[in-house]
C-alpha atoms as a PDB file:
ATOM      1  CA  MET A   1       0.018  -0.163  -0.073  1.00  0.00           C
ATOM      2  CA  SER A   2       2.604   2.756   1.178  1.00  0.00           C
ATOM      3  CA  ALA A   3       4.321   2.179  -2.618  1.00  0.00           C
ATOM      4  CA  LEU A   4       1.185   2.559  -4.042  1.00  0.00           C
ATOM      5  CA  LEU A   5       0.675   5.748  -2.057  1.00  0.00           C
ATOM      6  CA  ARG A   6       3.848   6.439  -2.703  1.00  0.00           C
ATOM      7  CA  ALA A   7       3.536   6.120  -6.874  1.00  0.00           C
ATOM      8  CA  ALA A   8       0.421   8.654  -6.468  1.00  0.00           C
ATOM      9  CA  GLY A   9       2.289  11.042  -4.617  1.00  0.00           C
ATOM     10  CA  VAL A  10       0.857  10.787  -1.511  1.00  0.00           C
ATOM     11  CA  SER A  11       3.113  11.365   1.323  1.00  0.00           C
ATOM     12  CA  ARG A  12       3.468   8.231   3.476  1.00  0.00           C
ATOM     13  CA  THR A  13       6.737   9.678   5.567  1.00  0.00           C
ATOM     14  CA  ALA A  14       4.706  10.721   8.090  1.00  0.00           C
ATOM     15  CA  SER A  15       1.968   8.039   8.999  1.00  0.00           C
ATOM     16  CA  THR A  16       5.138   5.401   8.551  1.00  0.00           C
ATOM     17  CA  ALA A  17       6.894   7.799  11.156  1.00  0.00           C
ATOM     18  CA  VAL A  18       4.259   8.098  13.588  1.00  0.00           C
ATOM     19  CA  THR A  19       3.503   4.870  15.746  1.00  0.00           C
ATOM     20  CA  GLN A  20       0.262   3.490  15.157  1.00  0.00           C
ATOM     21  CA  THR A  21      -1.824   4.923  18.215  1.00  0.00           C
ATOM     22  CA  ARG A  22      -4.531   1.455  18.808  1.00  0.00           C
ATOM     23  CA  ALA A  23      -6.307  -1.218  16.249  1.00  0.00           C
ATOM     24  CA  TYR A  24      -8.885   0.312  13.313  1.00  0.00           C
ATOM     25  CA  LYS A  25     -11.175  -1.713  12.408  1.00  0.00           C
ATOM     26  CA  VAL A  26     -12.883  -0.974   8.947  1.00  0.00           C
ATOM     27  CA  ALA A  27     -15.886  -2.097   6.635  1.00  0.00           C
ATOM     28  CA  VAL A  28     -16.268  -2.346   3.645  1.00  0.00           C
ATOM     29  CA  LEU A  29     -20.284  -2.013   2.655  1.00  0.00           C
ATOM     30  CA  GLY A  30     -20.864  -3.749  -0.720  1.00  0.00           C
ATOM     31  CA  ALA A  31     -17.573  -6.166  -0.522  1.00  0.00           C
ATOM     32  CA  ALA A  32     -18.195  -8.599  -3.331  1.00  0.00           C
ATOM     33  CA  GLY A  33     -18.718  -6.052  -5.901  1.00  0.00           C
ATOM     34  CA  GLY A  34     -16.906  -4.693  -8.740  1.00  0.00           C
ATOM     35  CA  ILE A  35     -15.223  -1.999  -6.929  1.00  0.00           C
ATOM     36  CA  GLY A  36     -15.594  -3.553  -3.099  1.00  0.00           C
ATOM     37  CA  GLN A  37     -13.546  -6.937  -4.183  1.00  0.00           C
ATOM     38  CA  PRO A  38     -10.583  -4.526  -5.102  1.00  0.00           C
ATOM     39  CA  CYS A  39     -11.291  -1.709  -2.433  1.00  0.00           C
ATOM     40  CA  GLY A  40     -11.400  -4.222   0.180  1.00  0.00           C
ATOM     41  CA  LEU A  41      -7.685  -6.143  -1.520  1.00  0.00           C
ATOM     42  CA  LEU A  42      -6.198  -2.472  -0.487  1.00  0.00           C
ATOM     43  CA  MET A  43      -7.394  -2.327   3.041  1.00  0.00           C
ATOM     44  CA  LYS A  44      -6.471  -5.272   3.445  1.00  0.00           C
ATOM     45  CA  MET A  45      -2.631  -3.909   2.548  1.00  0.00           C
ATOM     46  CA  ASN A  46      -2.680  -0.941   4.545  1.00  0.00           C
ATOM     47  CA  PRO A  47      -0.529  -1.121   7.300  1.00  0.00           C
ATOM     48  CA  LEU A  48      -3.154   0.910   9.745  1.00  0.00           C
ATOM     49  CA  VAL A  49      -5.976  -1.574   9.629  1.00  0.00           C
ATOM     50  CA  THR A  50      -6.101  -4.262  12.148  1.00  0.00           C
ATOM     51  CA  GLU A  51      -9.542  -5.472  11.596  1.00  0.00           C
ATOM     52  CA  LEU A  52     -11.107  -5.405   8.415  1.00  0.00           C
ATOM     53  CA  SER A  53     -15.101  -6.184   8.143  1.00  0.00           C
ATOM     54  CA  LEU A  54     -16.462  -7.526   4.539  1.00  0.00           C
ATOM     55  CA  PHE A  55     -20.023  -7.167   4.061  1.00  0.00           C
ATOM     56  CA  ASP A  56     -22.395  -7.707   0.928  1.00  0.00           C
ATOM     57  CA  ILE A  57     -26.024  -9.558   0.137  1.00  0.00           C
ATOM     58  CA  ALA A  58     -23.921 -12.555  -1.061  1.00  0.00           C
ATOM     59  CA  GLY A  59     -20.372 -13.837  -1.892  1.00  0.00           C
ATOM     60  CA  THR A  60     -18.604 -12.070   0.476  1.00  0.00           C
ATOM     61  CA  PRO A  61     -16.963 -15.421   2.678  1.00  0.00           C
ATOM     62  CA  GLY A  62     -15.202 -16.484  -0.314  1.00  0.00           C
ATOM     63  CA  VAL A  63     -14.462 -12.512  -0.821  1.00  0.00           C
ATOM     64  CA  ALA A  64     -12.655 -12.483   2.250  1.00  0.00           C
ATOM     65  CA  ALA A  65     -11.337 -16.451   2.323  1.00  0.00           C
ATOM     66  CA  ASP A  66      -8.871 -15.333  -0.797  1.00  0.00           C
ATOM     67  CA  VAL A  67      -7.870 -11.731   1.343  1.00  0.00           C
ATOM     68  CA  SER A  68      -7.047 -12.829   4.239  1.00  0.00           C
ATOM     69  CA  HIS A  69      -4.368 -14.776   3.029  1.00  0.00           C
ATOM     70  CA  ILE A  70      -2.133 -11.720   2.304  1.00  0.00           C
ATOM     71  CA  ASN A  71       0.094 -11.268   4.449  1.00  0.00           C
ATOM     72  CA  THR A  72      -0.647  -8.254   6.641  1.00  0.00           C
ATOM     73  CA  GLN A  73      -1.400  -7.650   9.899  1.00  0.00           C
ATOM     74  CA  ALA A  74      -5.357  -6.939   8.851  1.00  0.00           C
ATOM     75  CA  GLN A  75      -7.412  -9.437  10.459  1.00  0.00           C
ATOM     76  CA  VAL A  76     -10.869 -10.162   7.474  1.00  0.00           C
ATOM     77  CA  LYS A  77     -13.774 -10.997   8.379  1.00  0.00           C
ATOM     78  CA  GLY A  78     -17.152 -11.792   5.444  1.00  0.00           C
ATOM     79  CA  PHE A  79     -20.239 -11.186   6.853  1.00  0.00           C
ATOM     80  CA  ALA A  80     -23.131 -12.193   4.427  1.00  0.00           C
ATOM     81  CA  GLY A  81     -26.747 -11.218   4.480  1.00  0.00           C
ATOM     82  CA  ASP A  82     -28.285  -8.250   6.737  1.00  0.00           C
ATOM     83  CA  ALA A  83     -28.575 -10.150   9.777  1.00  0.00           C
ATOM     84  CA  GLU A  84     -25.101 -10.485   9.674  1.00  0.00           C
ATOM     85  CA  LEU A  85     -24.692  -6.530   9.035  1.00  0.00           C
ATOM     86  CA  GLY A  86     -24.863  -5.440  12.564  1.00  0.00           C
ATOM     87  CA  ALA A  87     -22.246  -7.624  13.789  1.00  0.00           C
ATOM     88  CA  ALA A  88     -19.972  -6.215  10.322  1.00  0.00           C
ATOM     89  CA  LEU A  89     -20.101  -2.769  11.717  1.00  0.00           C
ATOM     90  CA  LYS A  90     -19.642  -3.363  15.452  1.00  0.00           C
ATOM     91  CA  ASP A  91     -16.997  -0.590  16.655  1.00  0.00           C
ATOM     92  CA  CYS A  92     -16.048   0.189  13.033  1.00  0.00           C
ATOM     93  CA  ASP A  93     -13.979   3.257  12.952  1.00  0.00           C
ATOM     94  CA  LEU A  94     -14.056   3.460   9.579  1.00  0.00           C
ATOM     95  CA  VAL A  95     -16.816   2.756   6.849  1.00  0.00           C
ATOM     96  CA  ILE A  96     -16.705   2.433   3.276  1.00  0.00           C
ATOM     97  CA  ILE A  97     -19.456   2.359   0.902  1.00  0.00           C
ATOM     98  CA  PRO A  98     -19.198   1.076  -2.406  1.00  0.00           C
ATOM     99  CA  ALA A  99     -22.746  -0.659  -2.285  1.00  0.00           C
ATOM    100  CA  GLY A 100     -25.652  -0.149  -4.667  1.00  0.00           C
ATOM    101  CA  VAL A 101     -25.165  -1.033  -9.102  1.00  0.00           C
ATOM    102  CA  PRO A 102     -23.290   0.365 -11.089  1.00  0.00           C
ATOM    103  CA  ARG A 103     -23.879   2.311 -14.088  1.00  0.00           C
ATOM    104  CA  LYS A 104     -24.263   0.259 -17.534  1.00  0.00           C
ATOM    105  CA  PRO A 105     -24.024   2.220 -20.958  1.00  0.00           C
ATOM    106  CA  GLY A 106     -27.571   4.478 -21.281  1.00  0.00           C
ATOM    107  CA  MET A 107     -27.849   4.659 -17.651  1.00  0.00           C
ATOM    108  CA  THR A 108     -28.964   8.615 -15.878  1.00  0.00           C
ATOM    109  CA  ARG A 109     -27.366   9.039 -12.294  1.00  0.00           C
ATOM    110  CA  ASP A 110     -31.209   9.116 -12.152  1.00  0.00           C
ATOM    111  CA  ASP A 111     -31.895   5.619 -12.595  1.00  0.00           C
ATOM    112  CA  LEU A 112     -28.446   4.948 -10.475  1.00  0.00           C
ATOM    113  CA  PHE A 113     -30.644   6.576  -7.428  1.00  0.00           C
ATOM    114  CA  LYS A 114     -33.791   4.828  -7.956  1.00  0.00           C
ATOM    115  CA  ILE A 115     -32.330   1.184  -7.011  1.00  0.00           C
ATOM    116  CA  ASN A 116     -28.944   2.752  -4.831  1.00  0.00           C
ATOM    117  CA  ALA A 117     -31.047   5.384  -3.101  1.00  0.00           C
ATOM    118  CA  GLY A 118     -32.881   2.506  -0.332  1.00  0.00           C
ATOM    119  CA  ILE A 119     -29.439   0.688  -0.183  1.00  0.00           C
ATOM    120  CA  VAL A 120     -28.001   3.586   1.396  1.00  0.00           C
ATOM    121  CA  ALA A 121     -31.166   4.293   3.717  1.00  0.00           C
ATOM    122  CA  GLY A 122     -30.773   1.326   5.579  1.00  0.00           C
ATOM    123  CA  LEU A 123     -26.957   1.097   5.630  1.00  0.00           C
ATOM    124  CA  THR A 124     -26.757   3.929   6.985  1.00  0.00           C
ATOM    125  CA  ASP A 125     -29.617   3.348   9.975  1.00  0.00           C
ATOM    126  CA  ALA A 126     -27.510  -0.015  10.461  1.00  0.00           C
ATOM    127  CA  ILE A 127     -24.264   2.354  10.882  1.00  0.00           C
ATOM    128  CA  ALA A 128     -25.990   4.718  13.476  1.00  0.00           C
ATOM    129  CA  THR A 129     -27.195   1.474  15.484  1.00  0.00           C
ATOM    130  CA  HIS A 130     -24.085  -0.408  15.622  1.00  0.00           C
ATOM    131  CA  CYS A 131     -20.863   1.973  15.291  1.00  0.00           C
ATOM    132  CA  PRO A 132     -22.776   5.735  15.182  1.00  0.00           C
ATOM    133  CA  LYS A 133     -18.987   7.063  16.118  1.00  0.00           C
ATOM    134  CA  ALA A 134     -17.791   5.770  12.401  1.00  0.00           C
ATOM    135  CA  MET A 135     -16.362   7.825   9.483  1.00  0.00           C
ATOM    136  CA  ILE A 136     -18.536   7.498   6.362  1.00  0.00           C
ATOM    137  CA  ASN A 137     -17.135   7.587   3.889  1.00  0.00           C
ATOM    138  CA  MET A 138     -19.692   7.066   0.392  1.00  0.00           C
ATOM    139  CA  ILE A 139     -19.247   5.581  -2.629  1.00  0.00           C
ATOM    140  CA  SER A 140     -22.581   4.541  -3.726  1.00  0.00           C
ATOM    141  CA  ASN A 141     -23.158   6.758  -6.589  1.00  0.00           C
ATOM    142  CA  PRO A 142     -24.824   9.390  -7.236  1.00  0.00           C
ATOM    143  CA  VAL A 143     -23.348  10.637  -4.440  1.00  0.00           C
ATOM    144  CA  ASN A 144     -24.328  13.545  -5.051  1.00  0.00           C
ATOM    145  CA  SER A 145     -27.841  12.658  -3.577  1.00  0.00           C
ATOM    146  CA  THR A 146     -26.670  10.082  -1.220  1.00  0.00           C
ATOM    147  CA  VAL A 147     -24.863  11.990   0.758  1.00  0.00           C
ATOM    148  CA  PRO A 148     -27.654  14.029   1.738  1.00  0.00           C
ATOM    149  CA  ILE A 149     -30.087  10.851   1.932  1.00  0.00           C
ATOM    150  CA  ALA A 150     -26.911   9.234   4.509  1.00  0.00           C
ATOM    151  CA  ALA A 151     -26.819  12.363   6.964  1.00  0.00           C
ATOM    152  CA  GLU A 152     -31.057  13.057   6.978  1.00  0.00           C
ATOM    153  CA  VAL A 153     -30.943   9.361   8.182  1.00  0.00           C
ATOM    154  CA  LEU A 154     -28.158   9.694  10.750  1.00  0.00           C
ATOM    155  CA  LYS A 155     -30.501  12.824  11.824  1.00  0.00           C
ATOM    156  CA  LYS A 156     -33.409  10.580  12.346  1.00  0.00           C
ATOM    157  CA  ARG A 157     -31.184   8.468  14.635  1.00  0.00           C
ATOM    158  CA  GLY A 158     -29.545  11.217  16.724  1.00  0.00           C
ATOM    159  CA  VAL A 159     -25.986  10.882  16.191  1.00  0.00           C
ATOM    160  CA  TYR A 160     -25.456  12.776  12.759  1.00  0.00           C
ATOM    161  CA  ASP A 161     -22.001  14.127  13.535  1.00  0.00           C
ATOM    162  CA  PRO A 162     -21.404  16.481   9.777  1.00  0.00           C
ATOM    163  CA  LYS A 163     -17.471  15.912  11.182  1.00  0.00           C
ATOM    164  CA  LYS A 164     -17.574  12.048   9.914  1.00  0.00           C
ATOM    165  CA  LEU A 165     -19.811  11.768   6.770  1.00  0.00           C
ATOM    166  CA  PHE A 166     -18.145  12.255   3.052  1.00  0.00           C
ATOM    167  CA  GLY A 167     -18.807  11.616  -0.035  1.00  0.00           C
ATOM    168  CA  VAL A 168     -15.825  10.367  -1.981  1.00  0.00           C
ATOM    169  CA  THR A 169     -14.973  12.215  -4.820  1.00  0.00           C
ATOM    170  CA  THR A 170     -11.614  11.459  -4.933  1.00  0.00           C
ATOM    171  CA  LEU A 171     -11.814   9.451  -8.534  1.00  0.00           C
ATOM    172  CA  ASP A 172     -12.702  13.504 -10.201  1.00  0.00           C
ATOM    173  CA  VAL A 173      -8.673  14.249  -8.487  1.00  0.00           C
ATOM    174  CA  VAL A 174      -7.060  11.422  -9.468  1.00  0.00           C
ATOM    175  CA  ARG A 175      -8.374  11.536 -13.573  1.00  0.00           C
ATOM    176  CA  ALA A 176      -7.594  15.129 -13.089  1.00  0.00           C
ATOM    177  CA  LYS A 177      -3.773  14.470 -12.174  1.00  0.00           C
ATOM    178  CA  THR A 178      -3.434  11.777 -14.437  1.00  0.00           C
ATOM    179  CA  PHE A 179      -4.984  14.274 -17.336  1.00  0.00           C
ATOM    180  CA  TYR A 180      -3.134  16.683 -16.328  1.00  0.00           C
ATOM    181  CA  ALA A 181       0.080  15.299 -16.218  1.00  0.00           C
ATOM    182  CA  GLU A 182      -0.252  13.270 -19.750  1.00  0.00           C
ATOM    183  CA  LYS A 183      -1.312  16.117 -21.840  1.00  0.00           C
ATOM    184  CA  ASN A 184       1.835  18.960 -19.923  1.00  0.00           C
ATOM    185  CA  GLY A 185       5.039  15.993 -19.805  1.00  0.00           C
ATOM    186  CA  LEU A 186       4.512  16.239 -15.796  1.00  0.00           C
ATOM    187  CA  GLU A 187       5.713  13.168 -13.213  1.00  0.00           C
ATOM    188  CA  THR A 188       2.512  12.089 -12.885  1.00  0.00           C
ATOM    189  CA  ALA A 189       3.501  11.607  -9.075  1.00  0.00           C
ATOM    190  CA  LYS A 190       4.154  15.461  -8.762  1.00  0.00           C
ATOM    191  CA  VAL A 191       0.825  16.554 -10.182  1.00  0.00           C
ATOM    192  CA  ASP A 192      -1.566  18.637  -7.517  1.00  0.00           C
ATOM    193  CA  VAL A 193      -5.196  19.396  -9.264  1.00  0.00           C
ATOM    194  CA  PRO A 194      -8.337  20.169  -6.722  1.00  0.00           C
ATOM    195  CA  VAL A 195     -11.643  18.973  -7.859  1.00  0.00           C
ATOM    196  CA  VAL A 196     -14.738  21.013  -6.176  1.00  0.00           C
ATOM    197  CA  GLY A 197     -17.871  20.491  -6.144  1.00  0.00           C
ATOM    198  CA  GLY A 198     -19.739  17.336  -6.684  1.00  0.00           C
ATOM    199  CA  HIS A 199     -19.286  14.161  -7.934  1.00  0.00           C
ATOM    200  CA  ALA A 200     -21.420  14.074 -11.303  1.00  0.00           C
ATOM    201  CA  GLY A 201     -21.099  15.233 -14.634  1.00  0.00           C
ATOM    202  CA  ILE A 202     -20.914  19.256 -14.634  1.00  0.00           C
ATOM    203  CA  THR A 203     -20.987  19.463 -10.829  1.00  0.00           C
ATOM    204  CA  ILE A 204     -17.484  18.121 -11.354  1.00  0.00           C
ATOM    205  CA  LEU A 205     -15.055  21.295 -11.369  1.00  0.00           C
ATOM    206  CA  PRO A 206     -11.134  20.662 -11.737  1.00  0.00           C
ATOM    207  CA  LEU A 207      -8.995  24.504 -10.815  1.00  0.00           C
ATOM    208  CA  TRP A 208      -6.354  23.905 -13.453  1.00  0.00           C
ATOM    209  CA  SER A 209      -5.500  27.319 -12.570  1.00  0.00           C
ATOM    210  CA  GLN A 210      -4.398  26.015  -8.985  1.00  0.00           C
ATOM    211  CA  ALA A 211      -2.929  22.994 -10.155  1.00  0.00           C
ATOM    212  CA  THR A 212       0.951  22.269  -9.676  1.00  0.00           C
ATOM    213  CA  PRO A 213       3.217  22.489 -11.257  1.00  0.00           C
ATOM    214  CA  LYS A 214       1.848  25.430 -13.578  1.00  0.00           C
ATOM    215  CA  ALA A 215       2.350  24.858 -17.023  1.00  0.00           C
ATOM    216  CA  ALA A 216       0.241  26.987 -19.827  1.00  0.00           C
ATOM    217  CA  MET A 217      -2.779  25.560 -21.396  1.00  0.00           C
ATOM    218  CA  THR A 218      -4.762  27.698 -23.671  1.00  0.00           C
ATOM    219  CA  ASP A 219      -8.379  28.127 -23.758  1.00  0.00           C
ATOM    220  CA  ASP A 220      -9.103  25.193 -26.052  1.00  0.00           C
ATOM    221  CA  VAL A 221      -6.922  22.401 -23.659  1.00  0.00           C
ATOM    222  CA  ILE A 222      -8.624  23.200 -20.627  1.00  0.00           C
ATOM    223  CA  ASP A 223     -12.348  23.250 -21.667  1.00  0.00           C
ATOM    224  CA  ALA A 224     -11.304  19.608 -23.323  1.00  0.00           C
ATOM    225  CA  LEU A 225      -9.606  18.460 -20.289  1.00  0.00           C
ATOM    226  CA  THR A 226     -12.608  19.815 -17.802  1.00  0.00           C
ATOM    227  CA  LYS A 227     -14.825  17.747 -20.238  1.00  0.00           C
ATOM    228  CA  ARG A 228     -13.218  14.875 -19.928  1.00  0.00           C
ATOM    229  CA  THR A 229     -12.573  14.995 -16.390  1.00  0.00           C
ATOM    230  CA  GLN A 230     -16.529  15.746 -15.416  1.00  0.00           C
ATOM    231  CA  ASP A 231     -17.027  12.493 -18.608  1.00  0.00           C
ATOM    232  CA  GLY A 232     -14.596   9.829 -17.260  1.00  0.00           C
ATOM    233  CA  GLY A 233     -16.568   7.561 -15.922  1.00  0.00           C
ATOM    234  CA  THR A 234     -18.813   7.709 -19.212  1.00  0.00           C
ATOM    235  CA  GLU A 235     -15.370   7.090 -21.235  1.00  0.00           C
ATOM    236  CA  VAL A 236     -15.164   4.173 -18.786  1.00  0.00           C
ATOM    237  CA  VAL A 237     -18.180   2.785 -19.553  1.00  0.00           C
ATOM    238  CA  ALA A 238     -18.624   2.629 -23.251  1.00  0.00           C
ATOM    239  CA  ALA A 239     -14.803   1.393 -23.581  1.00  0.00           C
ATOM    240  CA  LYS A 240     -16.431  -1.062 -21.325  1.00  0.00           C
ATOM    241  CA  ALA A 241     -18.543  -2.330 -24.090  1.00  0.00           C
ATOM    242  CA  GLY A 242     -21.638  -2.370 -21.586  1.00  0.00           C
ATOM    243  CA  LYS A 243     -19.466  -5.188 -19.089  1.00  0.00           C
ATOM    244  CA  GLY A 244     -19.064  -2.973 -16.112  1.00  0.00           C
ATOM    245  CA  SER A 245     -17.853   1.141 -15.284  1.00  0.00           C
ATOM    246  CA  ALA A 246     -15.161   2.674 -13.739  1.00  0.00           C
ATOM    247  CA  THR A 247     -14.993  -0.122 -10.456  1.00  0.00           C
ATOM    248  CA  LEU A 248     -10.571  -0.524 -10.500  1.00  0.00           C
ATOM    249  CA  SER A 249     -10.320   3.303 -10.901  1.00  0.00           C
ATOM    250  CA  MET A 250     -12.702   3.894  -8.122  1.00  0.00           C
ATOM    251  CA  ALA A 251     -11.789   1.147  -5.565  1.00  0.00           C
ATOM    252  CA  TYR A 252      -8.408   2.519  -6.154  1.00  0.00           C
ATOM    253  CA  ALA A 253      -9.495   6.135  -5.194  1.00  0.00           C
ATOM    254  CA  GLY A 254     -11.671   5.164  -2.820  1.00  0.00           C
ATOM    255  CA  ALA A 255      -8.284   3.472  -0.696  1.00  0.00           C
ATOM    256  CA  LEU A 256      -6.535   6.337  -0.877  1.00  0.00           C
ATOM    257  CA  PHE A 257      -9.578   8.366   0.456  1.00  0.00           C
ATOM    258  CA  GLY A 258     -10.232   6.133   3.352  1.00  0.00           C
ATOM    259  CA  ASP A 259      -6.067   5.650   3.859  1.00  0.00           C
ATOM    260  CA  ALA A 260      -6.596   9.890   4.227  1.00  0.00           C
ATOM    261  CA  CYS A 261      -9.217   9.332   7.404  1.00  0.00           C
ATOM    262  CA  LEU A 262      -6.971   6.698   9.262  1.00  0.00           C
ATOM    263  CA  ARG A 263      -3.936   8.805   8.752  1.00  0.00           C
ATOM    264  CA  ALA A 264      -5.411  11.549  10.102  1.00  0.00           C
ATOM    265  CA  LYS A 265      -7.493   9.962  12.719  1.00  0.00           C
ATOM    266  CA  ASN A 266      -4.025   7.771  13.726  1.00  0.00           C
ATOM    267  CA  GLY A 267      -2.653  11.643  14.542  1.00  0.00           C
ATOM    268  CA  GLU A 268      -0.937  12.425  11.283  1.00  0.00           C
ATOM    269  CA  ALA A 269      -1.271  16.565  10.287  1.00  0.00           C
ATOM    270  CA  GLY A 270      -1.966  18.234   7.518  1.00  0.00           C
ATOM    271  CA  VAL A 271      -4.037  15.489   6.069  1.00  0.00           C
ATOM    272  CA  THR A 272      -5.143  17.595   3.089  1.00  0.00           C
ATOM    273  CA  GLU A 273      -8.080  16.046   0.645  1.00  0.00           C
ATOM    274  CA  CYS A 274     -11.033  16.994  -1.872  1.00  0.00           C
ATOM    275  CA  THR A 275     -14.485  16.005  -0.278  1.00  0.00           C
ATOM    276  CA  TYR A 276     -17.465  16.102  -0.848  1.00  0.00           C
ATOM    277  CA  VAL A 277     -19.226  17.402   3.225  1.00  0.00           C
ATOM    278  CA  GLN A 278     -21.657  19.802   4.955  1.00  0.00           C
ATOM    279  CA  SER A 279     -20.509  23.257   3.972  1.00  0.00           C
ATOM    280  CA  THR A 280     -20.646  26.725   3.620  1.00  0.00           C
ATOM    281  CA  VAL A 281     -18.304  28.040   0.866  1.00  0.00           C
ATOM    282  CA  THR A 282     -20.984  28.054  -1.302  1.00  0.00           C
ATOM    283  CA  ASP A 283     -24.926  28.884  -1.213  1.00  0.00           C
ATOM    284  CA  VAL A 284     -25.628  24.634  -1.385  1.00  0.00           C
ATOM    285  CA  SER A 285     -25.533  23.202   1.795  1.00  0.00           C
ATOM    286  CA  PHE A 286     -22.960  19.632   0.714  1.00  0.00           C
ATOM    287  CA  PHE A 287     -19.993  20.806  -1.543  1.00  0.00           C
ATOM    288  CA  ALA A 288     -16.349  19.106  -2.224  1.00  0.00           C
ATOM    289  CA  SER A 289     -13.728  21.154  -2.234  1.00  0.00           C
ATOM    290  CA  LYS A 290     -10.324  21.167   0.006  1.00  0.00           C
ATOM    291  CA  VAL A 291     -10.532  19.998   3.024  1.00  0.00           C
ATOM    292  CA  THR A 292      -7.777  19.196   6.253  1.00  0.00           C
ATOM    293  CA  LEU A 293      -8.390  16.296   8.220  1.00  0.00           C
ATOM    294  CA  GLY A 294      -7.832  15.449  11.935  1.00  0.00           C
ATOM    295  CA  LYS A 295      -8.439  13.103  14.297  1.00  0.00           C
ATOM    296  CA  ASP A 296     -12.166  13.351  14.137  1.00  0.00           C
ATOM    297  CA  GLY A 297     -12.883  13.821  11.302  1.00  0.00           C
ATOM    298  CA  VAL A 298     -13.249  17.419   9.431  1.00  0.00           C
ATOM    299  CA  GLU A 299     -11.306  19.507  11.186  1.00  0.00           C
ATOM    300  CA  THR A 300     -10.933  22.797   8.484  1.00  0.00           C
ATOM    301  CA  ILE A 301     -13.063  23.081   5.802  1.00  0.00           C
ATOM    302  CA  HIS A 302     -11.164  25.594   2.223  1.00  0.00           C
ATOM    303  CA  GLY A 303     -12.419  28.149   0.169  1.00  0.00           C
ATOM    304  CA  LEU A 304     -12.079  27.801  -3.239  1.00  0.00           C
ATOM    305  CA  GLY A 305      -9.338  30.564  -2.901  1.00  0.00           C
ATOM    306  CA  ASP A 306      -9.072  32.445  -6.489  1.00  0.00           C
ATOM    307  CA  ILE A 307     -10.866  31.359  -9.485  1.00  0.00           C
ATOM    308  CA  THR A 308     -10.443  32.381 -13.341  1.00  0.00           C
ATOM    309  CA  PRO A 309     -13.560  33.848 -15.113  1.00  0.00           C
ATOM    310  CA  TYR A 310     -13.919  30.501 -16.575  1.00  0.00           C
ATOM    311  CA  GLU A 311     -13.956  28.658 -13.601  1.00  0.00           C
ATOM    312  CA  GLN A 312     -16.882  30.842 -11.618  1.00  0.00           C
ATOM    313  CA  ALA A 313     -18.948  30.655 -14.929  1.00  0.00           C
ATOM    314  CA  ALA A 314     -18.536  26.498 -14.304  1.00  0.00           C
ATOM    315  CA  LEU A 315     -18.850  27.005 -10.441  1.00  0.00           C
ATOM    316  CA  ASP A 316     -22.226  28.855 -11.521  1.00  0.00           C
ATOM    317  CA  GLY A 317     -23.651  26.669 -14.072  1.00  0.00           C
ATOM    318  CA  MET A 318     -23.575  23.142 -11.933  1.00  0.00           C
ATOM    319  CA  MET A 319     -24.941  25.138  -8.868  1.00  0.00           C
ATOM    320  CA  ALA A 320     -28.898  23.992  -9.782  1.00  0.00           C
ATOM    321  CA  GLU A 321     -28.589  20.956 -10.542  1.00  0.00           C
ATOM    322  CA  LEU A 322     -26.444  20.026  -7.303  1.00  0.00           C
ATOM    323  CA  LYS A 323     -29.447  22.147  -5.359  1.00  0.00           C
ATOM    324  CA  ASP A 324     -31.884  19.448  -7.227  1.00  0.00           C
ATOM    325  CA  SER A 325     -29.620  16.587  -6.210  1.00  0.00           C
ATOM    326  CA  ILE A 326     -29.305  17.696  -2.638  1.00  0.00           C
ATOM    327  CA  ALA A 327     -32.726  18.143  -2.592  1.00  0.00           C
ATOM    328  CA  LYS A 328     -33.619  15.092  -3.981  1.00  0.00           C
ATOM    329  CA  GLY A 329     -31.579  13.144  -1.265  1.00  0.00           C
ATOM    330  CA  VAL A 330     -33.009  15.155   1.287  1.00  0.00           C
ATOM    331  CA  GLU A 331     -37.154  14.445   0.289  1.00  0.00           C
ATOM    332  CA  PHE A 332     -36.192  10.688  -0.238  1.00  0.00           C
ATOM    333  CA  ALA A 333     -34.602  10.760   3.436  1.00  0.00           C
ATOM    334  CA  LYS A 334     -37.228  12.041   5.062  1.00  0.00           C
ATOM    335  CA  ALA A 335     -40.943  10.429   3.605  1.00  0.00           C
ATOM    336  CA  LEU A 336     -39.105   7.183   4.957  1.00  0.00           C
END
């Protein structure tokens, strides 16, 4: 995992130097799926994980048996079916949720919502019962709506802590870094590109003006890279010709963000990632921007900084869709 993270330009110097303060239990919900299996594998490789729960409606005993043979410290257990969900979640520090159906050709995020909203609500309700203080990393799409759903479910149960609920937008950052480095002949591991907004289509906004190292790009290139980052998921769905979505890259991104949460929880200072959280940075109640993580979750939500007229126009253009997606999630949860 350390080598994998170094290749991504994520420093592990501090986390390898800091003594592990205690044991950390992590659960992956949807662990037998296309994202869940590789995500579980990567979390098994994480040196901070001591106990790994792999849950799904079926298939997880086999996945757990497979992953458990890897010679790292995490003890792995597989749980299958609703009757075993509580045991999977009991006393977890971090819960990663890639559960639900993936995108298929021609599928809109609205189609996904109709299926995944109920799944997310049920899993979040179980978290409220069995590990209400856990950090929650939401991968299940549409993230712009599933995070508000989770928030409302937790509020109903009286355990909502906005510092501990995260929409995982790391894949947008991973893509932006890759595309920016490739276009400008830069070393991918040394590139950083903040991505703000949400996690769907035009709500994904890479801030190329804040990318490092700096590289001069024409307006046409900026527009093309922006659209490619926004349509990254569609690109993969099309390339897989109906046989899958962005599962491997999403699992990698999910593991990166999960690792960031654990490093911060373990006491590492200055862990900052872009993530979709309850926010006052803009007029919408949930928004992705740079967030510094601490032992208890969100420590500091950073503002947008200076942005270009192109970026401002894109920001203005996403607001209506983002507001609608958030409202849709809230309304669904309140109707439960």
